[in-house]
Amino acid sequence: MADAAIWNDPEAAQKKTKELAALKADVSGYAALVAARDDIRDMIEMADEEPDPEIVPEVQAMFNDFKESYEKIRLKTLLAGEYDGCNAIVTLHAGTGGTEAMDWTNMLYRMYTRWADAHGLSVEVLDLLEGDEAGLKSVTFQVNGENAYGLLKGEHGVHRLVRISPFNANGKRQTSFSACEVMPDIEEDLDIEIDPKDIRIDTYRSSGAGGQHINKTSSAIRITHFPTGIVVTCQNERSQFQNKDKAFQELKIKLFMLKKQQNADKLDDIRGKVAEIAWGNQIRSYFLQPYQLIKDLRTGEEQTNAQKVLDGGIDPFINAFLKWEALGGRAREAAADTVAIR
């Protein structure tokens, strides 16, 4: 009876179909991995029976492919958190550094959108506030796809950039900060009551591209929750009602996560502890001058090809974080996971 009820509900049926497809993909992936292992063994046995130098590079290539596939499956087993399978809502805020920080925020936005595109994930902009001279003051976007939140949750924190400033005529080295907040897009109806007296709802004109209707009507929504200081905005939908619904859902998600940790000394690993977007609070540093080095201060992961990372190549950091978290790193160094929420 329960199964029949699910399939009579279009949304529940779609969710169940998606889950079944993901399970089938996991089984197929494992079967392909086993087959690849057997093929490698067969090739090695052939080489032992009839030595052929040309087989060596072929076996090496097969083994490299096997390791890559194995690593993907192994990392997927680490995505076992309650909300890891959800879509991700990512917010970037420019911090200390003025125009430099706004440009840095735009660079991070480009990095994440390129990463999402490379992994077949879609990006939907929910809110965007451009900088006065360049870059972005803030941007909120949703990354849609399997395990989007689980993969991106480790990006939550303050990101520090050191480079020669393109906005400084003297060519001085500049340090900039931007905060990244990552939340799961929980689709279920959350049992969170919001007292109308605790919030203020403001409407304004959308600032981003989107056509005459979006730019000429006050359809964008900003909701301020006074008890927590949380502010959520949405301007991507065509109507004010749609933006309002989306903003309220985002507010409910944040309040839900806070409620889960109401007896804790600090907020949980999803939202992080409120901190200034400045020195001492960064989770990762990006050095572009005088040398290139990107280092995660929690996991110790380092990459010297900075341009590759800024073009979306953040998988080494994502993988290192998932391993670090699985080994209890977050419990030992939770203070490193900080972000400013505005």
Protein backbone atom coordinates (compact mmCIF):
# COMPACT_ATOMS: atom_id res chain seq x y z
CA MET A 1 0.00 0.00 0.00
CA ALA A 2 2.80 2.39 0.85
CA ASP A 3 4.50 1.74 -2.49
CA ALA A 4 1.24 2.39 -4.33
CA ALA A 5 0.84 5.71 -2.52
CA ILE A 6 4.33 6.75 -3.61
CA TRP A 7 3.69 6.06 -7.28
CA ASN A 8 0.38 7.93 -7.13
CA ASP A 9 2.27 11.02 -6.00
CA PRO A 10 4.13 12.49 -9.04
CA GLU A 11 6.81 14.22 -6.94
CA ALA A 12 7.41 11.19 -4.73
CA ALA A 13 7.50 8.94 -7.78
CA GLN A 14 10.03 11.21 -9.49
CA LYS A 15 12.22 11.17 -6.38
CA LYS A 16 12.00 7.39 -6.11
CA THR A 17 12.83 6.99 -9.80
CA LYS A 18 15.86 9.21 -9.33
CA GLU A 19 17.01 7.13 -6.36
CA LEU A 20 16.60 3.89 -8.31
CA ALA A 21 18.57 5.32 -11.24
CA ALA A 22 21.39 6.32 -8.88
CA LEU A 23 21.46 2.83 -7.33
CA LYS A 24 21.56 1.20 -10.76
CA ALA A 25 24.44 3.49 -11.73
CA ASP A 26 26.32 2.46 -8.57
CA VAL A 27 25.83 -1.24 -9.32
CA SER A 28 26.89 -0.76 -12.95
CA GLY A 29 29.94 1.20 -11.85
CA TYR A 30 31.01 -1.54 -9.47
CA ALA A 31 30.47 -4.23 -12.12
CA ALA A 32 32.57 -2.24 -14.60
CA LEU A 33 35.32 -1.90 -11.98
CA VAL A 34 35.39 -5.65 -11.36
CA ALA A 35 35.52 -6.30 -15.12
CA ALA A 36 38.40 -3.83 -15.49
CA ARG A 37 40.32 -5.55 -12.69
CA ASP A 38 39.85 -8.94 -14.38
CA ASP A 39 41.01 -7.53 -17.72
CA ILE A 40 44.18 -6.19 -16.10
CA ARG A 41 44.88 -9.57 -14.51
CA ASP A 42 44.39 -11.30 -17.86
CA MET A 43 46.79 -8.89 -19.55
CA ILE A 44 49.42 -9.46 -16.86
CA GLU A 45 49.07 -13.23 -17.21
CA MET A 46 49.46 -12.92 -20.99
CA ALA A 47 52.60 -10.86 -20.50
CA ASP A 48 54.03 -13.49 -18.15
CA GLU A 49 53.41 -16.27 -20.67
CA GLU A 50 54.58 -14.35 -23.72
CA PRO A 51 56.75 -11.34 -22.76
CA ASP A 52 55.97 -8.35 -24.97
CA PRO A 53 57.32 -4.86 -24.12
CA GLU A 54 54.39 -3.22 -25.94
CA ILE A 55 51.95 -4.67 -23.39
CA VAL A 56 53.53 -2.75 -20.50
CA PRO A 57 52.27 0.76 -21.42
CA GLU A 58 48.87 -0.70 -22.32
CA VAL A 59 48.54 -2.36 -18.92
CA GLN A 60 49.75 0.85 -17.23
CA ALA A 61 47.06 2.86 -19.01
CA MET A 62 44.40 0.31 -18.00
CA PHE A 63 45.62 0.44 -14.41
CA ASN A 64 45.52 4.25 -14.35
CA ASP A 65 41.92 4.18 -15.60
CA PHE A 66 41.09 1.56 -12.97
CA LYS A 67 42.56 3.69 -10.18
CA GLU A 68 40.58 6.74 -11.33
CA SER A 69 37.31 4.77 -11.40
CA TYR A 70 38.07 3.16 -8.06
CA GLU A 71 38.79 6.54 -6.48
CA LYS A 72 35.46 7.93 -7.69
CA ILE A 73 33.55 5.01 -6.21
CA ARG A 74 35.49 5.13 -2.96
CA LEU A 75 34.87 8.84 -2.53
CA LYS A 76 31.19 8.34 -3.23
CA THR A 77 31.01 6.04 -0.22
CA LEU A 78 32.16 8.99 1.89
CA LEU A 79 29.06 10.96 0.87
CA ALA A 80 26.88 9.35 3.50
CA GLY A 81 25.77 12.47 5.34
CA GLU A 82 22.08 13.11 5.89
CA TYR A 83 21.97 15.86 3.28
CA ASP A 84 24.93 14.96 1.06
CA GLY A 85 22.66 13.89 -1.79
CA CYS A 86 20.86 17.25 -1.89
CA ASN A 87 21.38 20.10 -4.29
CA ALA A 88 23.60 22.86 -2.88
CA ILE A 89 22.81 26.51 -2.25
CA VAL A 90 26.05 28.48 -2.38
CA THR A 91 26.46 32.11 -1.30
CA LEU A 92 29.63 34.13 -1.85
CA HIS A 93 30.24 37.40 0.03
CA ALA A 94 33.08 39.84 -0.66
CA GLY A 95 34.97 40.59 2.54
CA THR A 96 38.03 42.66 3.41
CA GLY A 97 39.68 44.15 0.33
CA GLY A 98 37.18 46.50 -1.35
CA THR A 99 37.11 46.25 -5.14
CA GLU A 100 39.80 43.57 -4.95
CA ALA A 101 37.56 41.41 -2.78
CA MET A 102 34.62 41.89 -5.14
CA ASP A 103 36.77 40.84 -8.08
CA TRP A 104 37.95 37.84 -6.05
CA THR A 105 34.33 36.90 -5.31
CA ASN A 106 33.62 36.96 -9.04
CA MET A 107 36.65 34.72 -9.64
CA LEU A 108 35.34 32.22 -7.10
CA TYR A 109 31.91 32.28 -8.70
CA ARG A 110 33.52 31.51 -12.06
CA MET A 111 35.56 28.70 -10.46
CA TYR A 112 32.51 26.99 -8.99
CA THR A 113 30.37 27.34 -12.10
CA ARG A 114 33.14 25.86 -14.24
CA TRP A 115 33.55 22.99 -11.79
CA ALA A 116 29.81 22.33 -11.87
CA ASP A 117 29.73 22.38 -15.66
CA ALA A 118 32.62 19.91 -15.85
CA HIS A 119 30.72 17.51 -13.59
CA GLY A 120 27.40 17.75 -15.42
CA LEU A 121 25.76 19.82 -12.68
CA SER A 122 23.52 22.76 -13.48
CA VAL A 123 23.77 26.20 -11.88
CA GLU A 124 20.82 28.49 -11.16
CA VAL A 125 21.49 32.05 -9.98
CA LEU A 126 19.15 33.04 -7.14
CA ASP A 127 20.54 36.47 -6.32
CA LEU A 128 23.39 38.63 -7.58
CA LEU A 129 24.69 42.02 -6.47
CA GLU A 130 27.37 43.54 -8.67
CA GLY A 131 30.28 45.56 -7.32
CA ASP A 132 30.44 49.33 -7.71
CA GLU A 133 33.53 49.18 -9.95
CA ALA A 134 34.10 45.51 -10.72
CA GLY A 135 33.28 42.02 -9.56
CA LEU A 136 30.48 40.96 -7.23
CA LYS A 137 29.53 42.11 -3.76
CA SER A 138 27.60 38.88 -3.32
CA VAL A 139 26.00 36.08 -5.30
CA THR A 140 23.75 33.20 -4.33
CA PHE A 141 23.37 30.28 -6.70
CA GLN A 142 22.03 26.76 -6.58
CA VAL A 143 24.04 23.81 -7.87
CA ASN A 144 21.70 21.02 -8.98
CA GLY A 145 22.75 17.41 -9.38
CA GLU A 146 23.60 14.21 -7.54
CA ASN A 147 25.58 14.79 -4.32
CA ALA A 148 26.07 18.50 -5.09
CA TYR A 149 25.96 19.46 -1.41
CA GLY A 150 28.10 16.54 -0.30
CA LEU A 151 30.80 17.52 -2.77
CA LEU A 152 30.69 21.26 -2.10
CA LYS A 153 30.20 21.34 1.67
CA GLY A 154 33.97 21.45 2.22
CA GLU A 155 34.13 24.77 0.32
CA HIS A 156 32.24 26.42 3.18
CA GLY A 157 34.51 29.02 4.76
CA VAL A 158 36.68 32.05 4.08
CA HIS A 159 38.91 32.01 0.98
CA ARG A 160 42.00 34.24 0.86
CA LEU A 161 43.68 35.53 -2.31
CA VAL A 162 47.19 37.03 -2.56
CA ARG A 163 48.18 38.59 -5.92
CA ILE A 164 49.51 41.69 -7.66
CA SER A 165 46.52 43.99 -7.78
CA PRO A 166 45.18 44.77 -11.28
CA PHE A 167 43.42 47.76 -9.70
CA ASN A 168 46.55 49.29 -8.20
CA ALA A 169 48.64 51.51 -10.48
CA ASN A 170 51.73 50.81 -8.36
CA GLY A 171 51.41 47.06 -8.89
CA LYS A 172 51.44 46.27 -5.20
CA ARG A 173 50.62 42.87 -3.80
CA GLN A 174 47.10 42.75 -2.39
CA THR A 175 45.33 40.35 -0.02
CA SER A 176 41.58 39.84 -0.47
CA PHE A 177 38.95 37.72 1.25
CA SER A 178 35.65 36.20 0.23
CA ALA A 179 33.31 34.00 2.27
CA CYS A 180 31.60 30.94 0.87
CA GLU A 181 28.48 29.57 2.58
CA VAL A 182 27.17 26.18 1.45
CA MET A 183 23.74 24.90 2.47
CA PRO A 184 21.75 21.84 1.36
CA ASP A 185 18.59 22.49 -0.63
CA ILE A 186 16.25 20.39 1.49
CA GLU A 187 13.21 19.75 -0.65
CA GLU A 188 10.98 18.35 2.09
CA ASP A 189 8.50 20.60 3.86
CA LEU A 190 10.33 21.66 7.01
CA ASP A 191 8.41 22.01 10.23
CA ILE A 192 9.67 25.49 10.98
CA GLU A 193 7.35 28.23 12.19
CA ILE A 194 8.35 31.80 11.43
CA ASP A 195 6.69 34.55 13.43
CA PRO A 196 5.77 37.41 11.07
CA LYS A 197 6.94 39.84 13.79
CA ASP A 198 10.45 38.34 13.57
CA ILE A 199 11.00 39.15 9.91
CA ARG A 200 11.06 42.07 7.50
CA ILE A 201 10.29 41.53 3.82
CA ASP A 202 11.68 44.05 1.35
CA THR A 203 11.03 44.18 -2.39
CA TYR A 204 13.35 45.75 -4.93
CA ARG A 205 14.25 45.67 -8.58
CA SER A 206 16.48 42.88 -9.78
CA SER A 207 20.02 44.00 -10.50
CA GLY A 208 21.10 41.21 -12.82
CA ALA A 209 20.34 40.43 -16.43
CA GLY A 210 16.99 38.85 -17.16
CA GLY A 211 14.86 40.84 -19.55
CA GLN A 212 12.52 43.79 -19.28
CA HIS A 213 10.04 42.22 -16.86
CA ILE A 214 12.66 41.27 -14.29
CA ASN A 215 14.52 44.57 -14.43
CA LYS A 216 11.51 46.93 -14.54
CA THR A 217 9.39 45.46 -11.73
CA SER A 218 10.11 45.14 -8.01
CA SER A 219 10.02 41.36 -8.08
CA ALA A 220 13.18 40.66 -6.05
CA ILE A 221 12.71 39.69 -2.41
CA ARG A 222 14.89 40.19 0.65
CA ILE A 223 13.89 38.63 3.98
CA THR A 224 15.61 39.64 7.22
CA HIS A 225 15.20 37.41 10.27
CA PHE A 226 15.78 39.61 13.31
CA PRO A 227 16.48 36.98 16.03
CA THR A 228 19.34 35.36 14.09
CA GLY A 229 20.41 38.17 11.77
CA ILE A 230 20.03 35.87 8.76
CA VAL A 231 19.27 37.63 5.47
CA VAL A 232 18.11 35.75 2.38
CA THR A 233 17.41 37.17 -1.06
CA CYS A 234 16.03 35.86 -4.32
CA GLN A 235 15.53 37.62 -7.65
CA ASN A 236 15.86 35.03 -10.38
CA GLU A 237 12.18 34.10 -10.73
CA ARG A 238 9.81 36.09 -12.94
CA SER A 239 7.22 36.83 -10.26
CA GLN A 240 7.48 38.31 -6.79
CA PHE A 241 5.50 35.37 -5.40
CA GLN A 242 7.95 32.81 -6.78
CA ASN A 243 10.92 34.74 -5.39
CA LYS A 244 9.17 35.00 -2.03
CA ASP A 245 8.52 31.25 -1.88
CA LYS A 246 12.15 30.47 -2.74
CA ALA A 247 13.48 32.96 -0.20
CA PHE A 248 11.24 31.56 2.54
CA GLN A 249 12.40 28.03 1.76
CA GLU A 250 16.03 29.10 2.04
CA LEU A 251 15.31 30.85 5.34
CA LYS A 252 13.57 27.74 6.67
CA ILE A 253 16.56 25.59 5.73
CA LYS A 254 18.95 27.87 7.61
CA LEU A 255 16.71 28.02 10.66
CA PHE A 256 16.25 24.25 10.55
CA MET A 257 20.01 23.70 10.61
CA LEU A 258 20.41 26.15 13.47
CA LYS A 259 17.65 24.44 15.43
CA LYS A 260 19.44 21.10 15.15
CA GLN A 261 22.38 22.60 17.02
CA GLN A 262 20.57 24.91 19.42
CA ASN A 263 22.25 23.27 22.42
CA ALA A 264 25.73 23.40 20.92
CA ASP A 265 28.33 26.07 21.66
CA LYS A 266 28.65 26.82 17.95
CA LEU A 267 26.73 26.17 14.77
CA ASP A 268 27.10 22.84 13.06
CA ASP A 269 29.28 21.81 10.15
CA ILE A 270 26.68 22.90 7.62
CA ARG A 271 26.49 26.59 8.50
CA GLY A 272 29.71 27.04 10.43
CA LYS A 273 30.58 29.59 13.09
CA VAL A 274 29.98 33.26 12.37
CA ALA A 275 33.30 35.03 11.90
CA GLU A 276 34.75 38.06 10.22
CA ILE A 277 35.73 37.63 6.57
CA ALA A 278 39.34 38.60 7.17
CA TRP A 279 42.74 37.51 8.53
CA GLY A 280 42.89 34.39 10.65
CA ASN A 281 39.61 32.89 9.52
CA GLN A 282 40.46 31.48 6.09
CA ILE A 283 40.17 27.79 5.23
CA ARG A 284 42.19 28.09 2.02
CA SER A 285 44.82 30.47 0.68
CA TYR A 286 45.39 31.18 -3.02
CA PHE A 287 48.84 32.64 -3.76
CA LEU A 288 49.30 33.97 -7.31
CA GLN A 289 52.37 36.13 -6.59
CA PRO A 290 55.30 35.94 -6.07
CA TYR A 291 54.75 32.19 -6.62
CA GLN A 292 51.75 30.02 -7.37
CA LEU A 293 50.43 27.88 -4.55
CA ILE A 294 46.95 27.04 -3.34
CA LYS A 295 46.81 25.43 0.09
CA ASP A 296 43.93 24.18 2.20
CA LEU A 297 44.70 24.98 5.82
CA ARG A 298 42.55 22.13 7.17
CA THR A 299 43.68 19.17 5.08
CA GLY A 300 47.12 20.38 4.02
CA GLU A 301 46.26 19.72 0.36
CA GLU A 302 48.40 21.84 -2.00
CA GLN A 303 48.26 22.58 -5.72
CA THR A 304 50.82 24.63 -7.66
CA ASN A 305 48.82 25.00 -10.89
CA ALA A 306 46.72 27.92 -9.68
CA GLN A 307 45.12 28.64 -13.04
CA LYS A 308 43.85 25.07 -13.33
CA VAL A 309 42.20 25.36 -9.91
CA LEU A 310 40.65 28.75 -10.72
CA ASP A 311 39.32 27.23 -13.94
CA GLY A 312 37.32 24.76 -11.86
CA GLY A 313 39.90 22.11 -11.00
CA ILE A 314 39.02 21.90 -7.31
CA ASP A 315 38.55 18.11 -7.16
CA PRO A 316 41.84 17.52 -5.25
CA PHE A 317 40.58 19.82 -2.48
CA ILE A 318 37.11 18.25 -2.46
CA ASN A 319 38.57 14.74 -2.29
CA ALA A 320 41.06 15.69 0.42
CA PHE A 321 38.30 17.26 2.52
CA LEU A 322 36.06 14.18 2.28
CA LYS A 323 38.94 11.94 3.38
CA TRP A 324 39.91 14.35 6.15
CA GLU A 325 36.32 14.56 7.38
CA ALA A 326 35.92 10.75 7.32
CA LEU A 327 39.00 10.47 9.56
CA GLY A 328 37.49 12.83 12.11
CA GLY A 329 39.30 15.96 11.04
CA ARG A 330 36.26 18.15 11.47
CA ALA A 331 35.87 17.12 15.09
CA ARG A 332 39.51 17.99 15.79
CA GLU A 333 39.62 21.29 13.97
CA ALA A 334 36.05 22.53 13.80
CA ALA A 335 37.21 26.07 14.51
CA ALA A 336 38.77 26.20 11.03
CA ASP A 337 35.35 25.85 9.45
CA THR A 338 34.20 29.45 9.71
CA VAL A 339 32.15 31.72 7.55
CA ALA A 340 30.41 35.05 7.87
CA ILE A 341 26.67 35.02 7.34
CA ARG A 342 25.00 38.27 6.40
